[in-house]
Amino acid sequence: MELGQPTLTGKLIRLEPLTEDSAAALAEAAKHAEIWRYLDEPTPDTMQAVSDLVEEAIEEQRQGVRVPYVITERLHGNAIGSISFIDIQPRHRGVEIGWAWVTPSHWRTGAAREASYLLMRHAFETAGAIRVVFKTDSRNLRSQRAIERIGATREGVFRNHRILLDGHIRHSIFYSVTVEDWPGVRQLLDSWRESLPPGKAGGEE
């Protein structure tokens, strides 16, 4: 399984490789505290904090454990968030889609849904993956609904999975899409995308 890092273009958004220069583009999008409630990171409300997050992602990419992208809206070309391949397992042809966030003004627009679609399509149809995983905090009902809308199957709960910065003991809910599931999931998402005019947000996440 070879993921690479091509630019991936959809109707609403484009996924572009994250670089050191991405910090400036993401600074405005990232400064909202509600984004980070379940991501276990202090709100990156300064340029230095955003630069640190970008450098961390790039360092993890150098180590071969992450492939990070910037989510850019096609209509105006603004950076509105980020998403990554993580937990990359070449031998087992599995990967997780995570570290996903979108600025609140683009919640419930379809941007995050299409970003997940583009990464899944690339993973299954180009890279040869047989399994794509999503996980979220058990308290994050909005994220759970979003993952379920893309057609992923809920597999179970990892109890006491992580201790967060605020001391909260997090339970994580895991979802997956397998290569056997993918044709049906793609059909579901293609039908949704066909209803979208190019560059226009639509639908709910």
N, C-alpha and C. Protein backbone atom coordinates (compact mmCIF):
# COMPACT_ATOMS: atom_id res chain seq x y z
N MET A 1 0.85 -1.20 0.00
CA MET A 1 0.00 0.00 0.00
C MET A 1 0.88 1.24 0.00
N GLU A 2 0.72 2.08 -1.00
CA GLU A 2 1.52 3.30 -1.12
C GLU A 2 0.58 4.48 -1.26
N LEU A 3 0.51 5.32 -0.22
CA LEU A 3 -0.46 6.41 -0.22
C LEU A 3 -0.03 7.60 -1.07
N GLY A 4 1.27 7.92 -1.06
CA GLY A 4 1.69 9.14 -1.73
C GLY A 4 1.04 10.35 -1.09
N GLN A 5 1.01 11.46 -1.82
CA GLN A 5 0.33 12.66 -1.31
C GLN A 5 -0.11 13.56 -2.48
N PRO A 6 -0.95 13.02 -3.36
CA PRO A 6 -1.41 13.85 -4.48
C PRO A 6 -2.44 14.88 -4.02
N THR A 7 -2.55 15.97 -4.75
CA THR A 7 -3.67 16.89 -4.55
C THR A 7 -4.94 16.20 -5.03
N LEU A 8 -6.00 16.31 -4.23
CA LEU A 8 -7.27 15.64 -4.54
C LEU A 8 -8.35 16.70 -4.64
N THR A 9 -9.08 16.71 -5.75
CA THR A 9 -10.04 17.76 -6.02
C THR A 9 -11.46 17.21 -6.06
N GLY A 10 -12.35 17.86 -5.31
CA GLY A 10 -13.75 17.50 -5.32
C GLY A 10 -14.60 18.62 -5.88
N LYS A 11 -15.90 18.56 -5.61
CA LYS A 11 -16.81 19.62 -6.06
C LYS A 11 -16.76 20.83 -5.13
N LEU A 12 -16.68 20.55 -3.81
CA LEU A 12 -16.71 21.63 -2.83
C LEU A 12 -15.33 22.08 -2.40
N ILE A 13 -14.43 21.12 -2.29
CA ILE A 13 -13.14 21.41 -1.68
C ILE A 13 -12.01 20.76 -2.48
N ARG A 14 -10.80 21.18 -2.16
CA ARG A 14 -9.59 20.56 -2.70
C ARG A 14 -8.69 20.22 -1.52
N LEU A 15 -8.07 19.06 -1.56
CA LEU A 15 -7.12 18.65 -0.54
C LEU A 15 -5.72 18.84 -1.09
N GLU A 16 -4.96 19.70 -0.42
CA GLU A 16 -3.61 20.03 -0.86
C GLU A 16 -2.61 19.61 0.21
N PRO A 17 -1.44 19.11 -0.17
CA PRO A 17 -0.45 18.70 0.83
C PRO A 17 -0.11 19.83 1.79
N LEU A 18 -0.07 19.51 3.07
CA LEU A 18 0.32 20.48 4.10
C LEU A 18 1.82 20.75 3.99
N THR A 19 2.19 22.03 4.05
CA THR A 19 3.60 22.44 4.04
C THR A 19 3.83 23.47 5.13
N GLU A 20 5.09 23.87 5.31
CA GLU A 20 5.40 24.89 6.30
C GLU A 20 4.64 26.19 6.02
N ASP A 21 4.38 26.47 4.76
CA ASP A 21 3.68 27.69 4.39
C ASP A 21 2.19 27.65 4.72
N SER A 22 1.68 26.47 5.10
CA SER A 22 0.25 26.34 5.36
C SER A 22 -0.19 27.02 6.64
N ALA A 23 0.74 27.28 7.57
CA ALA A 23 0.37 27.87 8.85
C ALA A 23 -0.33 29.21 8.67
N ALA A 24 0.21 30.06 7.82
CA ALA A 24 -0.39 31.38 7.61
C ALA A 24 -1.80 31.25 7.05
N ALA A 25 -1.99 30.30 6.12
CA ALA A 25 -3.30 30.12 5.51
C ALA A 25 -4.33 29.57 6.51
N LEU A 26 -3.87 28.77 7.48
CA LEU A 26 -4.78 28.11 8.42
C LEU A 26 -5.03 28.92 9.70
N ALA A 27 -4.26 29.97 9.94
CA ALA A 27 -4.33 30.68 11.22
C ALA A 27 -5.73 31.18 11.54
N GLU A 28 -6.39 31.79 10.58
CA GLU A 28 -7.74 32.33 10.81
C GLU A 28 -8.73 31.20 11.04
N ALA A 29 -8.62 30.13 10.27
CA ALA A 29 -9.57 29.01 10.38
C ALA A 29 -9.44 28.27 11.70
N ALA A 30 -8.23 28.23 12.27
CA ALA A 30 -7.96 27.37 13.43
C ALA A 30 -8.23 28.00 14.78
N LYS A 31 -8.52 29.29 14.84
CA LYS A 31 -8.49 30.01 16.11
C LYS A 31 -9.74 29.84 16.98
N HIS A 32 -10.68 29.01 16.56
CA HIS A 32 -11.96 28.87 17.26
C HIS A 32 -11.90 27.72 18.27
N ALA A 33 -12.18 28.01 19.52
CA ALA A 33 -12.02 27.02 20.59
C ALA A 33 -12.90 25.79 20.40
N GLU A 34 -14.08 25.96 19.79
CA GLU A 34 -15.00 24.83 19.65
C GLU A 34 -14.45 23.73 18.75
N ILE A 35 -13.50 24.07 17.89
CA ILE A 35 -12.88 23.05 17.03
C ILE A 35 -12.12 22.03 17.87
N TRP A 36 -11.47 22.50 18.92
CA TRP A 36 -10.44 21.72 19.61
C TRP A 36 -10.94 21.03 20.87
N ARG A 37 -12.23 21.15 21.15
CA ARG A 37 -12.77 20.60 22.40
C ARG A 37 -12.47 19.11 22.54
N TYR A 38 -12.59 18.36 21.46
CA TYR A 38 -12.39 16.92 21.54
C TYR A 38 -11.08 16.46 20.90
N LEU A 39 -10.28 17.38 20.41
CA LEU A 39 -9.01 17.02 19.76
C LEU A 39 -7.84 17.05 20.73
N ASP A 40 -8.11 17.38 21.98
CA ASP A 40 -7.08 17.32 23.03
C ASP A 40 -5.87 18.19 22.70
N GLU A 41 -6.15 19.38 22.23
CA GLU A 41 -5.11 20.36 21.95
C GLU A 41 -5.58 21.71 22.48
N PRO A 42 -4.67 22.52 23.04
CA PRO A 42 -5.05 23.89 23.36
C PRO A 42 -5.44 24.62 22.08
N THR A 43 -6.36 25.56 22.18
CA THR A 43 -6.77 26.31 21.00
C THR A 43 -5.57 27.04 20.41
N PRO A 44 -5.23 26.79 19.15
CA PRO A 44 -4.08 27.46 18.52
C PRO A 44 -4.47 28.86 18.03
N ASP A 45 -4.55 29.80 18.98
CA ASP A 45 -5.06 31.13 18.66
C ASP A 45 -3.95 32.14 18.41
N THR A 46 -2.73 31.65 18.21
CA THR A 46 -1.63 32.52 17.79
C THR A 46 -0.95 31.88 16.59
N MET A 47 -0.23 32.69 15.83
CA MET A 47 0.48 32.16 14.67
C MET A 47 1.50 31.12 15.09
N GLN A 48 2.18 31.35 16.22
CA GLN A 48 3.17 30.39 16.68
C GLN A 48 2.53 29.04 16.99
N ALA A 49 1.36 29.08 17.63
CA ALA A 49 0.68 27.83 17.97
C ALA A 49 0.28 27.05 16.72
N VAL A 50 -0.22 27.76 15.71
CA VAL A 50 -0.58 27.10 14.45
C VAL A 50 0.68 26.55 13.76
N SER A 51 1.75 27.34 13.78
CA SER A 51 3.01 26.89 13.17
C SER A 51 3.51 25.63 13.86
N ASP A 52 3.36 25.57 15.18
CA ASP A 52 3.80 24.38 15.93
C ASP A 52 2.99 23.15 15.51
N LEU A 53 1.67 23.32 15.33
CA LEU A 53 0.85 22.19 14.90
C LEU A 53 1.24 21.72 13.51
N VAL A 54 1.50 22.67 12.62
CA VAL A 54 1.91 22.32 11.27
C VAL A 54 3.25 21.59 11.28
N GLU A 55 4.19 22.08 12.06
CA GLU A 55 5.51 21.44 12.12
C GLU A 55 5.40 20.04 12.72
N GLU A 56 4.54 19.87 13.71
CA GLU A 56 4.34 18.54 14.29
C GLU A 56 3.81 17.57 13.24
N ALA A 57 2.85 18.03 12.44
CA ALA A 57 2.29 17.17 11.39
C ALA A 57 3.35 16.81 10.35
N ILE A 58 4.17 17.79 9.98
CA ILE A 58 5.21 17.54 8.98
C ILE A 58 6.28 16.60 9.53
N GLU A 59 6.62 16.75 10.80
CA GLU A 59 7.59 15.84 11.41
C GLU A 59 7.03 14.41 11.44
N GLU A 60 5.76 14.25 11.75
CA GLU A 60 5.15 12.92 11.73
C GLU A 60 5.14 12.35 10.31
N GLN A 61 4.99 13.23 9.32
CA GLN A 61 5.07 12.76 7.94
C GLN A 61 6.48 12.27 7.62
N ARG A 62 7.49 12.98 8.09
CA ARG A 62 8.87 12.54 7.87
C ARG A 62 9.12 11.16 8.49
N GLN A 63 8.43 10.90 9.59
CA GLN A 63 8.57 9.61 10.27
C GLN A 63 7.75 8.51 9.62
N GLY A 64 6.93 8.89 8.65
CA GLY A 64 6.14 7.90 7.92
C GLY A 64 4.85 7.49 8.60
N VAL A 65 4.38 8.29 9.57
CA VAL A 65 3.18 7.89 10.32
C VAL A 65 1.99 8.80 10.05
N ARG A 66 2.14 9.75 9.13
CA ARG A 66 1.03 10.68 8.86
C ARG A 66 1.20 11.26 7.45
N VAL A 67 0.06 11.50 6.79
CA VAL A 67 0.04 12.22 5.52
C VAL A 67 -0.97 13.35 5.67
N PRO A 68 -0.52 14.57 5.95
CA PRO A 68 -1.43 15.67 6.27
C PRO A 68 -1.82 16.53 5.07
N TYR A 69 -3.05 16.97 5.07
CA TYR A 69 -3.60 17.81 4.01
C TYR A 69 -4.23 19.08 4.57
N VAL A 70 -4.25 20.13 3.76
CA VAL A 70 -5.06 21.32 3.99
C VAL A 70 -6.36 21.17 3.20
N ILE A 71 -7.48 21.49 3.85
CA ILE A 71 -8.77 21.51 3.17
C ILE A 71 -9.00 22.94 2.68
N THR A 72 -9.12 23.11 1.36
CA THR A 72 -9.30 24.42 0.76
C THR A 72 -10.63 24.45 0.03
N GLU A 73 -11.45 25.47 0.28
CA GLU A 73 -12.71 25.57 -0.44
C GLU A 73 -12.43 26.00 -1.87
N ARG A 74 -13.16 25.41 -2.80
CA ARG A 74 -12.92 25.71 -4.21
C ARG A 74 -13.50 27.07 -4.61
N LEU A 75 -14.59 27.50 -3.98
CA LEU A 75 -15.28 28.70 -4.42
C LEU A 75 -14.42 29.95 -4.26
N HIS A 76 -13.77 30.09 -3.09
CA HIS A 76 -12.97 31.28 -2.82
C HIS A 76 -11.48 30.98 -2.64
N GLY A 77 -11.12 29.71 -2.54
CA GLY A 77 -9.71 29.35 -2.38
C GLY A 77 -9.17 29.50 -0.98
N ASN A 78 -10.07 29.63 0.02
CA ASN A 78 -9.62 29.80 1.40
C ASN A 78 -9.34 28.46 2.07
N ALA A 79 -8.31 28.43 2.91
CA ALA A 79 -8.04 27.24 3.72
C ALA A 79 -9.05 27.21 4.86
N ILE A 80 -9.76 26.09 5.00
CA ILE A 80 -10.83 26.01 6.00
C ILE A 80 -10.62 24.90 7.01
N GLY A 81 -9.52 24.15 6.91
CA GLY A 81 -9.29 23.09 7.87
C GLY A 81 -8.18 22.16 7.43
N SER A 82 -8.12 21.01 8.08
CA SER A 82 -7.08 20.04 7.78
C SER A 82 -7.60 18.63 8.04
N ILE A 83 -6.97 17.66 7.39
CA ILE A 83 -7.33 16.25 7.56
C ILE A 83 -6.11 15.44 7.19
N SER A 84 -5.97 14.26 7.77
CA SER A 84 -4.75 13.47 7.57
C SER A 84 -5.06 11.98 7.45
N PHE A 85 -4.19 11.29 6.75
CA PHE A 85 -4.06 9.84 6.93
C PHE A 85 -3.15 9.64 8.14
N ILE A 86 -3.57 8.80 9.09
CA ILE A 86 -2.75 8.47 10.26
C ILE A 86 -2.82 6.96 10.49
N ASP A 87 -2.07 6.49 11.48
CA ASP A 87 -2.03 5.05 11.79
C ASP A 87 -1.90 4.23 10.50
N ILE A 88 -0.89 4.55 9.72
CA ILE A 88 -0.67 3.94 8.42
C ILE A 88 -0.04 2.56 8.60
N GLN A 89 -0.67 1.52 8.07
CA GLN A 89 -0.20 0.15 8.24
C GLN A 89 -0.02 -0.50 6.86
N PRO A 90 1.10 -0.24 6.21
CA PRO A 90 1.30 -0.76 4.84
C PRO A 90 1.15 -2.27 4.74
N ARG A 91 1.72 -2.99 5.70
CA ARG A 91 1.67 -4.46 5.61
C ARG A 91 0.24 -4.98 5.62
N HIS A 92 -0.59 -4.35 6.44
CA HIS A 92 -1.97 -4.81 6.58
C HIS A 92 -2.94 -4.03 5.70
N ARG A 93 -2.39 -3.08 4.93
CA ARG A 93 -3.16 -2.29 3.97
C ARG A 93 -4.34 -1.59 4.65
N GLY A 94 -4.04 -1.03 5.82
CA GLY A 94 -5.04 -0.28 6.57
C GLY A 94 -4.55 1.11 6.90
N VAL A 95 -5.48 2.03 7.09
CA VAL A 95 -5.13 3.41 7.41
C VAL A 95 -6.32 4.06 8.11
N GLU A 96 -6.02 5.04 8.94
CA GLU A 96 -7.07 5.82 9.60
C GLU A 96 -7.13 7.20 8.97
N ILE A 97 -8.34 7.75 8.87
CA ILE A 97 -8.53 9.14 8.51
C ILE A 97 -8.84 9.89 9.79
N GLY A 98 -7.96 10.82 10.14
CA GLY A 98 -8.12 11.52 11.40
C GLY A 98 -7.48 12.89 11.39
N TRP A 99 -7.29 13.43 12.60
CA TRP A 99 -6.82 14.81 12.74
C TRP A 99 -7.62 15.72 11.79
N ALA A 100 -8.94 15.46 11.77
CA ALA A 100 -9.81 16.19 10.84
C ALA A 100 -10.51 17.33 11.58
N TRP A 101 -10.39 18.51 11.03
CA TRP A 101 -11.13 19.64 11.58
C TRP A 101 -11.44 20.64 10.47
N VAL A 102 -12.57 21.30 10.65
CA VAL A 102 -13.03 22.33 9.70
C VAL A 102 -13.47 23.53 10.53
N THR A 103 -13.17 24.72 10.07
CA THR A 103 -13.56 25.93 10.78
C THR A 103 -15.08 25.99 10.92
N PRO A 104 -15.61 26.49 12.05
CA PRO A 104 -17.05 26.41 12.31
C PRO A 104 -17.95 27.01 11.24
N SER A 105 -17.49 28.02 10.52
CA SER A 105 -18.33 28.60 9.47
C SER A 105 -18.61 27.62 8.34
N HIS A 106 -17.86 26.52 8.29
CA HIS A 106 -18.07 25.50 7.25
C HIS A 106 -18.56 24.17 7.83
N TRP A 107 -19.01 24.19 9.09
CA TRP A 107 -19.70 23.02 9.62
C TRP A 107 -21.04 22.89 8.90
N ARG A 108 -21.47 21.67 8.71
CA ARG A 108 -22.76 21.36 8.10
C ARG A 108 -22.87 21.89 6.67
N THR A 109 -21.75 21.95 5.98
CA THR A 109 -21.77 22.38 4.58
C THR A 109 -21.44 21.26 3.61
N GLY A 110 -20.94 20.15 4.11
CA GLY A 110 -20.50 19.06 3.24
C GLY A 110 -19.00 19.03 3.02
N ALA A 111 -18.27 20.04 3.51
CA ALA A 111 -16.83 20.10 3.27
C ALA A 111 -16.10 18.92 3.89
N ALA A 112 -16.38 18.62 5.15
CA ALA A 112 -15.70 17.51 5.81
C ALA A 112 -16.11 16.17 5.21
N ARG A 113 -17.36 16.06 4.80
CA ARG A 113 -17.83 14.81 4.21
C ARG A 113 -17.09 14.55 2.89
N GLU A 114 -16.96 15.59 2.07
CA GLU A 114 -16.26 15.38 0.81
C GLU A 114 -14.78 15.13 1.03
N ALA A 115 -14.18 15.75 2.05
CA ALA A 115 -12.77 15.48 2.34
C ALA A 115 -12.57 14.01 2.68
N SER A 116 -13.45 13.45 3.49
CA SER A 116 -13.36 12.03 3.83
C SER A 116 -13.56 11.16 2.60
N TYR A 117 -14.51 11.54 1.75
CA TYR A 117 -14.76 10.81 0.50
C TYR A 117 -13.50 10.78 -0.37
N LEU A 118 -12.87 11.93 -0.55
CA LEU A 118 -11.69 11.99 -1.42
C LEU A 118 -10.56 11.13 -0.88
N LEU A 119 -10.36 11.13 0.44
CA LEU A 119 -9.29 10.31 1.01
C LEU A 119 -9.63 8.83 0.92
N MET A 120 -10.90 8.47 1.16
CA MET A 120 -11.27 7.06 1.03
C MET A 120 -11.12 6.59 -0.41
N ARG A 121 -11.56 7.39 -1.35
CA ARG A 121 -11.45 7.00 -2.76
C ARG A 121 -9.98 6.77 -3.14
N HIS A 122 -9.13 7.67 -2.68
CA HIS A 122 -7.70 7.51 -2.96
C HIS A 122 -7.15 6.25 -2.29
N ALA A 123 -7.52 6.04 -1.02
CA ALA A 123 -7.00 4.90 -0.28
C ALA A 123 -7.40 3.58 -0.94
N PHE A 124 -8.67 3.44 -1.29
CA PHE A 124 -9.15 2.17 -1.84
C PHE A 124 -8.80 1.99 -3.32
N GLU A 125 -8.92 3.04 -4.10
CA GLU A 125 -8.85 2.88 -5.55
C GLU A 125 -7.47 3.14 -6.14
N THR A 126 -6.62 3.83 -5.38
CA THR A 126 -5.27 4.11 -5.86
C THR A 126 -4.20 3.43 -5.01
N ALA A 127 -4.34 3.53 -3.70
CA ALA A 127 -3.30 3.02 -2.81
C ALA A 127 -3.43 1.54 -2.48
N GLY A 128 -4.61 0.94 -2.73
CA GLY A 128 -4.78 -0.49 -2.47
C GLY A 128 -5.14 -0.84 -1.05
N ALA A 129 -5.73 0.09 -0.31
CA ALA A 129 -6.15 -0.20 1.07
C ALA A 129 -7.29 -1.21 1.09
N ILE A 130 -7.37 -1.96 2.19
CA ILE A 130 -8.50 -2.86 2.38
C ILE A 130 -9.35 -2.44 3.58
N ARG A 131 -8.88 -1.41 4.33
CA ARG A 131 -9.61 -0.97 5.52
C ARG A 131 -9.25 0.49 5.82
N VAL A 132 -10.29 1.28 6.03
CA VAL A 132 -10.12 2.68 6.46
C VAL A 132 -10.89 2.86 7.77
N VAL A 133 -10.23 3.46 8.73
CA VAL A 133 -10.77 3.60 10.09
C VAL A 133 -11.04 5.07 10.40
N PHE A 134 -12.09 5.30 11.19
CA PHE A 134 -12.37 6.60 11.78
C PHE A 134 -12.59 6.38 13.27
N LYS A 135 -12.20 7.34 14.11
CA LYS A 135 -12.53 7.24 15.53
C LYS A 135 -12.87 8.61 16.06
N THR A 136 -13.63 8.65 17.16
CA THR A 136 -14.04 9.91 17.74
C THR A 136 -14.33 9.73 19.22
N ASP A 137 -14.31 10.84 19.94
CA ASP A 137 -14.64 10.88 21.36
C ASP A 137 -16.10 10.46 21.54
N SER A 138 -16.38 9.66 22.54
CA SER A 138 -17.75 9.19 22.77
C SER A 138 -18.71 10.34 23.07
N ARG A 139 -18.19 11.48 23.51
CA ARG A 139 -19.04 12.64 23.80
C ARG A 139 -19.36 13.45 22.55
N ASN A 140 -18.63 13.22 21.48
CA ASN A 140 -18.73 14.06 20.30
C ASN A 140 -19.82 13.53 19.36
N LEU A 141 -21.05 13.86 19.69
CA LEU A 141 -22.18 13.34 18.93
C LEU A 141 -22.20 13.88 17.51
N ARG A 142 -21.77 15.12 17.31
CA ARG A 142 -21.75 15.69 15.97
C ARG A 142 -20.81 14.91 15.05
N SER A 143 -19.64 14.56 15.59
CA SER A 143 -18.68 13.78 14.81
C SER A 143 -19.22 12.39 14.51
N GLN A 144 -19.88 11.78 15.48
CA GLN A 144 -20.43 10.45 15.25
C GLN A 144 -21.47 10.47 14.14
N ARG A 145 -22.33 11.47 14.15
CA ARG A 145 -23.34 11.58 13.09
C ARG A 145 -22.67 11.77 11.73
N ALA A 146 -21.62 12.59 11.70
CA ALA A 146 -20.93 12.86 10.44
C ALA A 146 -20.30 11.58 9.88
N ILE A 147 -19.67 10.79 10.76
CA ILE A 147 -19.04 9.55 10.31
C ILE A 147 -20.09 8.56 9.82
N GLU A 148 -21.20 8.49 10.53
CA GLU A 148 -22.26 7.57 10.11
C GLU A 148 -22.87 7.98 8.78
N ARG A 149 -22.92 9.28 8.50
CA ARG A 149 -23.49 9.74 7.23
C ARG A 149 -22.62 9.38 6.03
N ILE A 150 -21.34 9.15 6.25
CA ILE A 150 -20.52 8.74 5.11
C ILE A 150 -20.59 7.24 4.87
N GLY A 151 -21.35 6.53 5.70
CA GLY A 151 -21.56 5.11 5.46
C GLY A 151 -20.64 4.18 6.22
N ALA A 152 -19.85 4.72 7.17
CA ALA A 152 -18.95 3.87 7.95
C ALA A 152 -19.74 3.03 8.96
N THR A 153 -19.19 1.87 9.29
CA THR A 153 -19.81 0.95 10.23
C THR A 153 -19.21 1.14 11.62
N ARG A 154 -20.06 1.33 12.60
CA ARG A 154 -19.60 1.44 13.99
C ARG A 154 -19.17 0.07 14.48
N GLU A 155 -17.93 -0.03 14.95
CA GLU A 155 -17.39 -1.32 15.37
C GLU A 155 -17.40 -1.51 16.89
N GLY A 156 -17.27 -0.45 17.63
CA GLY A 156 -17.27 -0.61 19.08
C GLY A 156 -16.60 0.55 19.79
N VAL A 157 -16.49 0.40 21.11
CA VAL A 157 -15.96 1.46 21.97
C VAL A 157 -14.69 0.96 22.66
N PHE A 158 -13.63 1.73 22.55
CA PHE A 158 -12.43 1.50 23.35
C PHE A 158 -12.60 2.30 24.64
N ARG A 159 -12.91 1.60 25.74
CA ARG A 159 -13.15 2.28 27.01
C ARG A 159 -11.83 2.71 27.64
N ASN A 160 -11.87 3.86 28.33
CA ASN A 160 -10.67 4.40 28.97
C ASN A 160 -9.49 4.43 28.00
N HIS A 161 -9.76 4.91 26.81
CA HIS A 161 -8.78 4.84 25.74
C HIS A 161 -7.65 5.84 25.91
N ARG A 162 -7.98 7.06 26.37
CA ARG A 162 -6.97 8.10 26.50
C ARG A 162 -7.28 8.98 27.71
N ILE A 163 -6.23 9.52 28.31
CA ILE A 163 -6.38 10.56 29.32
C ILE A 163 -6.05 11.89 28.65
N LEU A 164 -7.02 12.79 28.59
CA LEU A 164 -6.85 14.04 27.88
C LEU A 164 -6.13 15.08 28.74
N LEU A 165 -5.78 16.19 28.12
CA LEU A 165 -5.01 17.23 28.81
C LEU A 165 -5.74 17.76 30.04
N ASP A 166 -7.09 17.78 29.98
CA ASP A 166 -7.86 18.29 31.12
C ASP A 166 -8.13 17.21 32.17
N GLY A 167 -7.55 16.02 31.97
CA GLY A 167 -7.72 14.93 32.91
C GLY A 167 -8.89 14.01 32.60
N HIS A 168 -9.72 14.38 31.65
CA HIS A 168 -10.86 13.54 31.30
C HIS A 168 -10.38 12.20 30.72
N ILE A 169 -11.01 11.11 31.15
CA ILE A 169 -10.70 9.79 30.60
C ILE A 169 -11.64 9.53 29.44
N ARG A 170 -11.07 9.52 28.26
CA ARG A 170 -11.86 9.44 27.04
C ARG A 170 -12.14 8.01 26.64
N HIS A 171 -13.40 7.75 26.26
CA HIS A 171 -13.77 6.53 25.55
C HIS A 171 -13.82 6.88 24.07
N SER A 172 -13.24 6.05 23.22
CA SER A 172 -13.20 6.32 21.78
C SER A 172 -14.10 5.34 21.03
N ILE A 173 -14.91 5.88 20.12
CA ILE A 173 -15.77 5.05 19.29
C ILE A 173 -15.08 4.86 17.94
N PHE A 174 -14.95 3.61 17.53
CA PHE A 174 -14.28 3.26 16.28
C PHE A 174 -15.29 2.88 15.20
N TYR A 175 -15.01 3.35 14.00
CA TYR A 175 -15.80 3.03 12.81
C TYR A 175 -14.84 2.56 11.72
N SER A 176 -15.39 1.84 10.73
CA SER A 176 -14.54 1.44 9.60
C SER A 176 -15.35 1.36 8.32
N VAL A 177 -14.62 1.46 7.22
CA VAL A 177 -15.12 1.11 5.89
C VAL A 177 -14.11 0.13 5.33
N THR A 178 -14.57 -1.04 4.89
CA THR A 178 -13.67 -2.03 4.31
C THR A 178 -13.75 -1.96 2.79
N VAL A 179 -12.82 -2.64 2.15
CA VAL A 179 -12.82 -2.65 0.69
C VAL A 179 -14.10 -3.29 0.15
N GLU A 180 -14.68 -4.22 0.91
CA GLU A 180 -15.95 -4.83 0.50
C GLU A 180 -17.11 -3.83 0.63
N ASP A 181 -17.01 -2.94 1.64
CA ASP A 181 -18.05 -1.93 1.83
C ASP A 181 -17.98 -0.80 0.81
N TRP A 182 -16.77 -0.56 0.30
CA TRP A 182 -16.52 0.66 -0.45
C TRP A 182 -17.45 0.89 -1.64
N PRO A 183 -17.78 -0.10 -2.48
CA PRO A 183 -18.67 0.19 -3.60
C PRO A 183 -20.01 0.79 -3.16
N GLY A 184 -20.59 0.26 -2.09
CA GLY A 184 -21.85 0.80 -1.61
C GLY A 184 -21.69 2.18 -0.99
N VAL A 185 -20.60 2.37 -0.25
CA VAL A 185 -20.33 3.67 0.36
C VAL A 185 -20.08 4.71 -0.74
N ARG A 186 -19.31 4.32 -1.75
CA ARG A 186 -19.05 5.27 -2.84
C ARG A 186 -20.34 5.63 -3.56
N GLN A 187 -21.19 4.65 -3.80
CA GLN A 187 -22.45 4.95 -4.48
C GLN A 187 -23.28 5.94 -3.67
N LEU A 188 -23.32 5.74 -2.35
CA LEU A 188 -24.05 6.66 -1.47
C LEU A 188 -23.50 8.08 -1.58
N LEU A 189 -22.19 8.20 -1.51
CA LEU A 189 -21.57 9.52 -1.53
C LEU A 189 -21.58 10.14 -2.92
N ASP A 190 -21.43 9.31 -3.96
CA ASP A 190 -21.52 9.85 -5.32
C ASP A 190 -22.92 10.43 -5.58
N SER A 191 -23.94 9.76 -5.08
CA SER A 191 -25.31 10.27 -5.27
C SER A 191 -25.47 11.62 -4.58
N TRP A 192 -24.92 11.74 -3.38
CA TRP A 192 -24.97 13.03 -2.68
C TRP A 192 -24.21 14.10 -3.44
N ARG A 193 -23.02 13.75 -3.93
CA ARG A 193 -22.19 14.74 -4.62
C ARG A 193 -22.79 15.17 -5.95
N GLU A 194 -23.51 14.27 -6.61
CA GLU A 194 -24.14 14.63 -7.89
C GLU A 194 -25.17 15.74 -7.73
N SER A 195 -25.71 15.88 -6.53
CA SER A 195 -26.72 16.92 -6.30
C SER A 195 -26.10 18.28 -6.01
N LEU A 196 -24.77 18.34 -5.92
CA LEU A 196 -24.10 19.58 -5.56
C LEU A 196 -23.61 20.31 -6.80
N PRO A 197 -23.94 21.59 -6.92
CA PRO A 197 -23.32 22.38 -8.00
C PRO A 197 -21.85 22.59 -7.68
N PRO A 198 -20.97 22.64 -8.67
CA PRO A 198 -19.53 22.78 -8.40
C PRO A 198 -19.22 23.99 -7.54
N GLY A 199 -18.41 23.74 -6.50
CA GLY A 199 -17.94 24.82 -5.65
C GLY A 199 -18.94 25.30 -4.63
N LYS A 200 -20.16 24.78 -4.64
CA LYS A 200 -21.19 25.24 -3.71
C LYS A 200 -21.37 24.22 -2.59
N ALA A 201 -21.42 24.72 -1.36
CA ALA A 201 -21.67 23.85 -0.23
C ALA A 201 -23.11 23.41 -0.23
N GLY A 202 -23.34 22.21 0.29
CA GLY A 202 -24.71 21.74 0.37
C GLY A 202 -24.83 20.51 1.22
N GLY A 203 -25.99 20.29 1.79
CA GLY A 203 -26.22 19.12 2.63
C GLY A 203 -25.72 19.37 4.03
N GLU A 204 -25.92 18.39 4.88
CA GLU A 204 -25.49 18.50 6.27
C GLU A 204 -24.44 17.46 6.54
N GLU A 205 -23.49 17.80 7.45
CA GLU A 205 -22.46 16.82 7.82
C GLU A 205 -22.94 16.06 9.05
